Protein backbone atom coordinates (compact mmCIF):
# COMPACT_ATOMS: atom_id res chain seq x y z
CA MET A 1 31.05 -43.89 -9.08
CA LYS A 2 30.92 -41.44 -11.93
CA SER A 3 27.12 -41.45 -11.70
CA LEU A 4 27.29 -40.65 -7.99
CA MET A 5 29.69 -37.80 -8.64
CA THR A 6 27.42 -36.46 -11.36
CA LYS A 7 24.41 -36.57 -9.03
CA SER A 8 26.44 -34.91 -6.28
CA LEU A 9 27.57 -32.14 -8.60
CA THR A 10 24.01 -31.70 -9.82
CA ARG A 11 22.76 -31.38 -6.24
CA CYS A 12 25.50 -28.84 -5.51
CA ALA A 13 24.60 -26.88 -8.61
CA VAL A 14 20.92 -26.86 -7.63
CA ALA A 15 21.80 -25.83 -4.07
CA LEU A 16 24.00 -23.02 -5.33
CA ALA A 17 21.26 -21.88 -7.69
CA VAL A 18 18.74 -21.85 -4.84
CA MET A 19 21.18 -19.94 -2.63
CA ALA A 20 21.85 -17.45 -5.42
CA ALA A 21 18.12 -16.96 -5.97
CA ALA A 22 17.57 -16.48 -2.25
CA ALA A 23 20.44 -14.01 -2.06
CA SER A 24 19.02 -12.16 -5.05
CA ALA A 25 15.55 -12.06 -3.45
CA ALA A 26 17.03 -10.80 -0.19
CA LEU A 27 18.91 -8.10 -2.06
CA ALA A 28 15.75 -7.09 -3.92
CA ALA A 29 13.97 -6.52 -0.62
CA ASP A 30 16.90 -4.94 1.23
CA LEU A 31 15.09 -1.59 1.43
CA LYS A 32 11.33 -1.20 1.34
CA VAL A 33 9.27 1.95 0.72
CA GLY A 34 5.52 2.07 1.40
CA LEU A 35 3.37 4.56 -0.51
CA SER A 36 -0.30 5.24 0.23
CA VAL A 37 -2.05 7.56 -2.25
CA SER A 38 -5.49 8.23 -3.69
CA LEU A 39 -5.71 6.16 -6.85
CA SER A 40 -9.51 6.49 -6.71
CA GLY A 41 -12.02 8.99 -5.33
CA PRO A 42 -12.05 12.82 -5.57
CA ASN A 43 -8.32 13.12 -4.80
CA SER A 44 -7.25 10.72 -7.55
CA SER A 45 -6.24 13.59 -9.85
CA LEU A 46 -3.45 14.14 -7.31
CA GLY A 47 -2.85 10.54 -6.24
CA VAL A 48 -2.30 9.07 -9.70
CA PRO A 49 0.50 11.56 -10.48
CA TYR A 50 2.04 10.82 -7.05
CA SER A 51 2.14 7.13 -7.96
CA LYS A 52 3.59 7.75 -11.43
CA GLY A 53 6.24 10.08 -10.01
CA MET A 54 7.29 7.46 -7.49
CA ALA A 55 7.66 4.88 -10.27
CA ALA A 56 9.89 7.32 -12.14
CA ALA A 57 11.97 7.89 -9.00
CA GLN A 58 12.43 4.16 -8.45
CA ALA A 59 13.62 3.78 -12.05
CA TYR A 60 15.93 6.79 -11.68
CA LYS A 61 17.53 5.56 -8.45
CA GLY A 62 16.45 2.04 -7.60
CA GLU A 63 19.58 0.95 -5.74
CA ILE A 64 21.22 2.53 -2.70
CA ASN A 65 24.65 1.37 -1.49
CA GLY A 66 24.18 -1.90 -3.35
CA ARG A 67 20.72 -2.48 -1.89
CA LYS A 68 17.74 -2.62 -4.20
CA VAL A 69 14.63 -0.72 -3.18
CA GLN A 70 11.21 -2.34 -3.27
CA LEU A 71 8.12 -0.13 -3.59
CA VAL A 72 4.69 -1.13 -2.21
CA VAL A 73 1.75 1.05 -3.30
CA LEU A 74 -1.73 1.08 -1.72
CA ASP A 75 -4.87 3.04 -2.68
CA ASP A 76 -6.56 5.00 0.12
CA GLY A 77 -9.65 5.84 -1.97
CA SER A 78 -9.35 9.52 -0.92
CA ASP A 79 -10.41 8.50 2.60
CA PRO A 80 -8.34 9.56 5.66
CA THR A 81 -9.44 6.49 7.67
CA THR A 82 -8.26 4.18 4.89
CA ALA A 83 -5.00 6.12 4.65
CA GLY A 84 -4.37 5.42 8.33
CA ARG A 85 -5.15 1.72 7.85
CA ASN A 86 -2.86 1.60 4.83
CA ALA A 87 -0.02 3.11 6.84
CA ARG A 88 -0.45 0.46 9.52
CA LYS A 89 -0.62 -2.34 6.95
CA LEU A 90 2.53 -1.11 5.20
CA ILE A 91 4.42 -0.99 8.49
CA GLU A 92 3.11 -4.07 10.30
CA GLU A 93 2.47 -6.46 7.41
CA GLU A 94 4.75 -5.29 4.60
CA LYS A 95 7.57 -4.36 7.02
CA VAL A 96 8.52 -1.22 5.12
CA ASP A 97 11.38 0.98 6.34
CA ILE A 98 9.57 4.23 5.54
CA ILE A 99 6.11 5.40 4.49
CA MET A 100 5.18 8.21 2.12
CA GLY A 101 1.88 9.87 1.21
CA THR A 102 -0.71 11.06 0.52
CA SER A 103 -3.10 13.05 -1.68
CA GLY A 104 -4.74 15.26 0.93
CA VAL A 105 -3.91 16.95 4.23
CA PRO A 106 -6.45 15.04 6.41
CA ALA A 107 -5.23 11.69 5.08
CA ALA A 108 -1.59 12.69 5.54
CA ILE A 109 -2.31 13.60 9.17
CA ALA A 110 -3.85 10.14 9.69
CA MET A 111 -0.72 8.50 8.27
CA ALA A 112 1.53 10.71 10.39
CA GLN A 113 -0.20 9.54 13.56
CA VAL A 114 0.53 5.90 12.67
CA ALA A 115 4.14 6.80 11.88
CA LYS A 116 4.48 8.31 15.35
CA GLU A 117 2.85 5.33 17.10
CA THR A 118 5.00 2.75 15.30
CA LYS A 119 8.22 4.82 15.31
CA THR A 120 8.50 4.69 11.53
CA PRO A 121 9.89 7.59 9.49
CA MET A 122 7.45 9.26 7.12
CA ILE A 123 8.01 11.66 4.25
CA GLY A 124 4.83 13.57 3.52
CA LEU A 125 4.04 14.59 -0.05
CA THR A 126 1.59 17.31 0.94
CA PRO A 127 1.66 20.05 3.59
CA ILE A 128 0.83 18.53 6.98
CA ALA A 129 -0.75 20.39 9.87
CA LEU A 130 1.10 18.96 12.86
CA ASP A 131 3.54 20.02 15.56
CA PRO A 132 7.00 18.58 14.74
CA ALA A 133 7.90 18.68 18.42
CA ASP A 134 4.98 16.34 19.11
CA ASN A 135 5.73 14.05 16.15
CA PRO A 136 9.48 13.73 15.48
CA TRP A 137 9.05 11.00 12.84
CA VAL A 138 7.64 13.08 10.00
CA VAL A 139 8.91 15.58 7.44
CA THR A 140 7.36 16.75 4.18
CA VAL A 141 8.82 17.68 0.81
CA ALA A 142 5.86 19.93 0.01
CA GLN A 143 6.43 23.64 0.39
CA PRO A 144 4.97 25.18 3.56
CA THR A 145 1.68 26.84 2.75
CA GLN A 146 2.80 30.16 4.22
CA LEU A 147 5.84 30.29 1.92
CA MET A 148 3.63 29.88 -1.14
CA VAL A 149 0.78 32.15 -0.06
CA ASP A 150 3.28 34.89 0.84
CA ALA A 151 4.34 34.88 -2.81
CA VAL A 152 0.71 35.22 -3.91
CA VAL A 153 0.10 38.18 -1.60
CA ASP A 154 3.32 39.84 -2.80
CA ARG A 155 1.85 39.64 -6.30
CA MET A 156 -1.47 41.05 -5.04
CA VAL A 157 0.39 44.05 -3.64
CA ARG A 158 2.09 44.60 -7.00
CA ASN A 159 -1.34 44.42 -8.67
CA ASN A 160 -2.77 47.02 -6.24
CA VAL A 161 -5.26 44.65 -4.60
CA LYS A 162 -6.88 46.15 -1.50
CA THR A 163 -9.66 43.61 -0.78
CA VAL A 164 -9.76 39.86 -1.39
CA GLY A 165 -12.48 37.25 -1.06
CA TYR A 166 -11.65 33.68 -0.05
CA ILE A 167 -13.23 30.37 -1.03
CA GLY A 168 -11.66 27.03 -0.12
CA PHE A 169 -12.23 23.46 1.04
CA THR A 170 -14.00 22.78 4.33
CA ASP A 171 -11.10 20.58 5.48
CA ALA A 172 -7.58 21.10 6.82
CA TRP A 173 -6.24 22.23 3.43
CA GLY A 174 -8.82 24.99 3.23
CA ASP A 175 -7.87 26.03 6.77
CA LEU A 176 -4.15 26.08 5.98
CA VAL A 177 -4.60 28.34 2.96
CA TYR A 178 -7.04 30.66 4.75
CA ASP A 179 -4.80 31.04 7.80
CA ALA A 180 -1.76 31.72 5.62
CA LEU A 181 -3.74 34.28 3.60
CA ASN A 182 -4.81 36.14 6.74
CA LYS A 183 -1.27 36.24 8.09
CA ALA A 184 0.19 37.53 4.82
CA THR A 185 -2.54 40.08 4.07
CA ALA A 186 -2.38 41.54 7.59
CA LYS A 187 1.23 42.52 6.93
CA ALA A 188 0.42 43.78 3.42
CA GLY A 189 -2.56 45.96 4.39
CA ILE A 190 -5.05 43.90 2.34
CA LYS A 191 -8.49 43.13 3.79
CA VAL A 192 -9.93 39.59 3.56
CA VAL A 193 -13.69 40.10 3.14
CA SER A 194 -15.04 36.53 3.01
CA ASN A 195 -14.39 32.96 4.16
CA GLU A 196 -16.57 30.72 1.98
CA ARG A 197 -16.10 26.93 2.05
CA TYR A 198 -17.12 23.81 0.12
CA ALA A 199 -16.51 20.07 0.37
CA ARG A 200 -14.24 18.25 -2.04
CA ALA A 201 -17.14 16.16 -3.31
CA ASP A 202 -19.50 19.13 -3.92
CA ALA A 203 -20.77 19.61 -7.47
CA SER A 204 -21.44 23.37 -7.23
CA VAL A 205 -20.26 26.48 -5.37
CA THR A 206 -22.78 28.90 -6.87
CA GLY A 207 -24.16 30.01 -3.51
CA GLN A 208 -20.73 30.76 -2.08
CA VAL A 209 -19.61 32.64 -5.19
CA LEU A 210 -22.78 34.77 -5.23
CA LYS A 211 -21.90 35.98 -1.73
CA ILE A 212 -18.35 36.81 -2.78
CA VAL A 213 -19.36 38.66 -5.95
CA ALA A 214 -21.84 40.75 -3.95
CA LEU A 215 -18.93 42.02 -1.82
CA LYS A 216 -17.10 43.26 -4.96
CA PRO A 217 -13.54 42.33 -3.84
CA ASP A 218 -10.59 43.37 -5.99
CA ALA A 219 -9.49 39.72 -6.15
CA VAL A 220 -10.45 36.20 -5.06
CA MET A 221 -8.10 33.68 -3.46
CA THR A 222 -8.98 30.00 -3.81
CA GLY A 223 -8.10 27.25 -1.37
CA GLY A 224 -8.95 24.11 -3.30
CA ALA A 225 -6.88 21.38 -4.93
CA GLY A 226 -7.01 19.06 -7.91
CA THR A 227 -10.16 18.74 -10.01
CA PRO A 228 -12.57 20.09 -7.31
CA GLY A 229 -10.37 23.17 -7.12
CA ALA A 230 -11.74 24.29 -10.51
CA LEU A 231 -15.28 24.89 -9.21
CA PRO A 232 -14.72 28.49 -7.95
CA PHE A 233 -13.08 29.48 -11.24
CA LEU A 234 -16.03 28.15 -13.25
CA ALA A 235 -18.60 29.80 -10.97
CA LEU A 236 -16.80 33.16 -10.94
CA GLN A 237 -16.69 33.15 -14.74
CA GLU A 238 -20.40 32.30 -14.91
CA ARG A 239 -21.17 35.29 -12.69
CA GLY A 240 -19.08 37.63 -14.83
CA TYR A 241 -16.50 38.38 -12.14
CA LYS A 242 -13.78 40.65 -13.57
CA GLY A 243 -11.30 40.83 -10.68
CA GLY A 244 -8.09 38.87 -10.34
CA ILE A 245 -8.26 35.20 -9.37
CA TYR A 246 -5.38 33.62 -7.47
CA GLY A 247 -4.67 30.01 -6.62
CA GLN A 248 -1.98 28.02 -4.88
CA HIS A 249 0.19 24.98 -5.51
CA GLY A 250 -2.65 22.51 -4.88
CA LEU A 251 -4.05 23.41 -8.32
CA ILE A 252 -1.01 22.67 -10.46
CA ASN A 253 -2.15 19.63 -12.38
CA PRO A 254 -3.55 18.93 -15.87
CA ASP A 255 -6.98 17.87 -14.60
CA PHE A 256 -7.48 21.29 -13.02
CA VAL A 257 -6.45 22.96 -16.29
CA ARG A 258 -8.80 20.70 -18.28
CA VAL A 259 -11.83 21.22 -16.02
CA ALA A 260 -11.28 24.95 -15.43
CA GLY A 261 -10.86 25.60 -19.17
CA PRO A 262 -11.15 29.29 -20.16
CA SER A 263 -12.22 30.23 -16.59
CA GLY A 264 -8.63 29.67 -15.48
CA GLN A 265 -7.14 32.00 -18.11
CA GLY A 266 -4.75 34.49 -16.53
CA ALA A 267 -4.90 32.94 -13.04
CA LEU A 268 -1.75 33.46 -11.00
CA MET A 269 -0.47 30.93 -8.49
CA PRO A 270 2.75 29.74 -6.88
CA THR A 271 4.37 26.41 -7.64
CA GLY A 272 7.64 24.58 -7.45
CA PRO A 273 10.09 25.40 -10.27
CA ILE A 274 9.67 21.97 -11.94
CA ILE A 275 6.52 23.19 -13.72
CA VAL A 276 8.53 25.68 -15.77
CA ALA A 277 11.92 23.95 -15.64
CA GLU A 278 12.81 24.79 -19.24
CA GLN A 279 11.89 28.46 -18.64
CA LEU A 280 14.23 28.83 -15.64
CA PRO A 281 17.61 30.56 -15.86
CA ALA A 282 20.43 28.17 -16.78
CA ASP A 283 22.03 28.52 -13.33
CA TYR A 284 18.85 27.85 -11.33
CA PRO A 285 19.75 25.07 -8.85
CA THR A 286 16.85 22.75 -9.69
CA ARG A 287 16.83 23.15 -13.47
CA LYS A 288 19.09 20.23 -14.43
CA ILE A 289 17.54 17.60 -12.16
CA GLY A 290 14.11 18.90 -13.16
CA LEU A 291 14.85 18.09 -16.79
CA ASP A 292 16.34 14.72 -15.73
CA PHE A 293 13.12 13.95 -13.87
CA ARG A 294 11.03 14.73 -16.90
CA ASN A 295 13.11 12.31 -18.98
CA ALA A 296 12.78 9.56 -16.36
CA PHE A 297 9.03 10.12 -16.09
CA GLN A 298 8.61 9.91 -19.86
CA LYS A 299 10.54 6.63 -20.06
CA VAL A 300 8.59 4.94 -17.26
CA ASN A 301 5.10 6.26 -18.00
CA ASN A 302 5.30 6.71 -21.78
CA ALA A 303 3.89 10.21 -21.38
CA PRO A 304 5.23 13.62 -20.38
CA THR A 305 4.65 15.04 -16.91
CA SER A 306 2.71 18.28 -16.69
CA ASP A 307 1.81 18.39 -13.00
CA ALA A 308 3.53 19.32 -9.75
CA PHE A 309 2.47 16.26 -7.75
CA SER A 310 4.52 13.56 -9.47
CA ALA A 311 7.56 15.71 -8.73
CA TYR A 312 6.85 15.69 -4.97
CA SER A 313 7.08 11.89 -5.04
CA PHE A 314 10.38 12.15 -6.88
CA ASP A 315 11.76 14.56 -4.30
CA GLY A 316 10.54 12.38 -1.44
CA TRP A 317 12.47 9.49 -2.95
CA MET A 318 15.61 11.65 -3.36
CA VAL A 319 15.49 12.68 0.31
CA PHE A 320 14.94 9.04 1.33
CA ALA A 321 17.80 7.83 -0.90
CA ASP A 322 20.24 10.35 0.55
CA ALA A 323 19.27 9.42 4.11
CA ALA A 324 19.24 5.65 3.48
CA ALA A 325 22.80 5.86 2.18
CA ARG A 326 23.85 7.25 5.58
CA ALA A 327 21.60 5.21 7.89
CA LYS A 328 23.09 2.45 10.08
CA GLY A 329 21.83 -1.03 10.82
CA GLU A 330 19.90 -3.68 8.94
CA PRO A 331 16.81 -2.64 6.95
CA GLY A 332 13.59 -4.00 8.37
CA THR A 333 14.63 -3.42 11.99
CA PRO A 334 13.59 -0.76 14.52
CA GLU A 335 17.25 0.26 14.78
CA PHE A 336 17.45 1.00 11.07
CA ARG A 337 14.18 2.95 11.07
CA ALA A 338 15.44 5.11 13.94
CA SER A 339 18.77 5.69 12.19
CA LEU A 340 16.94 6.49 8.94
CA ARG A 341 14.80 9.05 10.78
CA ASP A 342 17.94 10.66 12.25
CA ALA A 343 19.58 10.71 8.81
CA ILE A 344 16.54 12.42 7.28
CA PHE A 345 16.70 15.11 9.96
CA SER A 346 20.35 15.76 9.09
CA THR A 347 19.69 16.21 5.35
CA LYS A 348 21.82 19.02 3.92
CA GLU A 349 21.28 20.71 0.54
CA VAL A 350 19.81 17.75 -1.32
CA VAL A 351 18.80 19.13 -4.70
CA GLY A 352 15.35 18.04 -5.84
CA VAL A 353 13.07 19.22 -8.60
CA HIS A 354 10.84 21.36 -6.36
CA GLY A 355 13.62 22.81 -4.22
CA VAL A 356 16.81 22.25 -2.27
CA TYR A 357 16.19 20.27 0.93
CA SER A 358 17.76 20.66 4.37
CA PHE A 359 16.06 19.26 7.48
CA LYS A 360 16.78 19.45 11.18
CA PRO A 361 14.97 18.19 14.30
CA GLY A 362 11.85 20.20 15.00
CA ASN A 363 11.59 21.36 11.38
CA LEU A 364 8.75 19.77 9.39
CA TYR A 365 9.66 21.54 6.15
CA GLY A 366 13.04 21.62 4.43
CA VAL A 367 12.84 24.21 1.66
CA ASP A 368 13.35 27.95 1.20
CA ASP A 369 12.59 30.60 -1.45
CA ARG A 370 14.30 28.46 -4.10
CA ALA A 371 11.24 26.19 -3.94
CA ARG A 372 8.70 28.67 -5.32
CA VAL A 373 8.00 30.60 -8.49
CA ILE A 374 4.85 32.39 -9.67
CA VAL A 375 3.21 31.04 -12.82
CA LYS A 376 0.34 32.29 -14.97
CA LEU A 377 -2.14 30.06 -16.80
CA ASP A 378 -2.05 31.13 -20.45
CA ASN A 379 -4.16 29.18 -22.96
CA GLY A 380 -3.83 25.98 -20.97
CA GLN A 381 -0.07 26.33 -20.40
CA TRP A 382 1.85 27.43 -17.32
CA LYS A 383 4.11 30.39 -18.00
CA LEU A 384 6.77 31.74 -15.64
CA ALA A 385 5.69 35.14 -14.27
CA PRO A 386 8.92 36.58 -12.87
């Protein structure tokens, strides 16, 4: 009898243990985030920081309303087609509640199309060229290109620039920067004298730079990103160009600084305030969380962060976390994804490290002037240029 009772108790204990393990596993997968980024290929200098920033965000806030958050990361190889396939795999096979990505505008557009088709919310980590009225499932935590380029042109006006040459990528990112430059310079009375382009995988831009130098513009605006974004700086230095060189937020990463070397000295460009968090005034709204992010990044990655891209991932996670805390329904269901989308579009004053986020239907971007500062590259370090 005693033996039977012992066996019965043992079976109960085992059953309870199995149930507890199952409950724990269910809790661990209560919320699921899918991230597709470029861990290989020409955009990897952006994608690797995105991945590291997301890991820091998960460590910083890995539980929402008692639900643990699982992160699934896929490499798109810097290929837009693969990014689209990754988005579909994350949604249909991994059953994620939200997707985030990626390391380039064309690939982000491909992901956004899948988000629309599957009715899955997406937080972009890069500017995305799409009509929010046509795709109501997507927002981005990146600053709108116009906001950032406006700041660059304001600085050109202060520096008495009258003519500017342009060289940028042949893809959607190059188009975004060029269009924003034309809009801003038209208001400022500055003439854009060239529109030279190159592919992300190109090894040289000598021909394009020779054309620009021959026009003798007061300044050159570059529309590249990551490591390939250094090519115009190197070529302009080789040709002895003495005018001002301006960039944009796609260049704020250590690989650009390393490859550009002395050719980047003195370059001015806009970025989110995280890059110079310790140089900001004490009352700047993003200063405290910016320093918190740096601490979290250091703990998770055993290295300091010196780029802008890991911080976009962090902010994407903060927007998601705020919305997920307000969303209704059971994670993993269409009802929850729809509620999560609605919650994202009702985000109000969520403080991130790049800016303060507020979204509403029909608004792809959620930041204002608090999300930009001008920095100057000085001996390999970014310095605030008030």
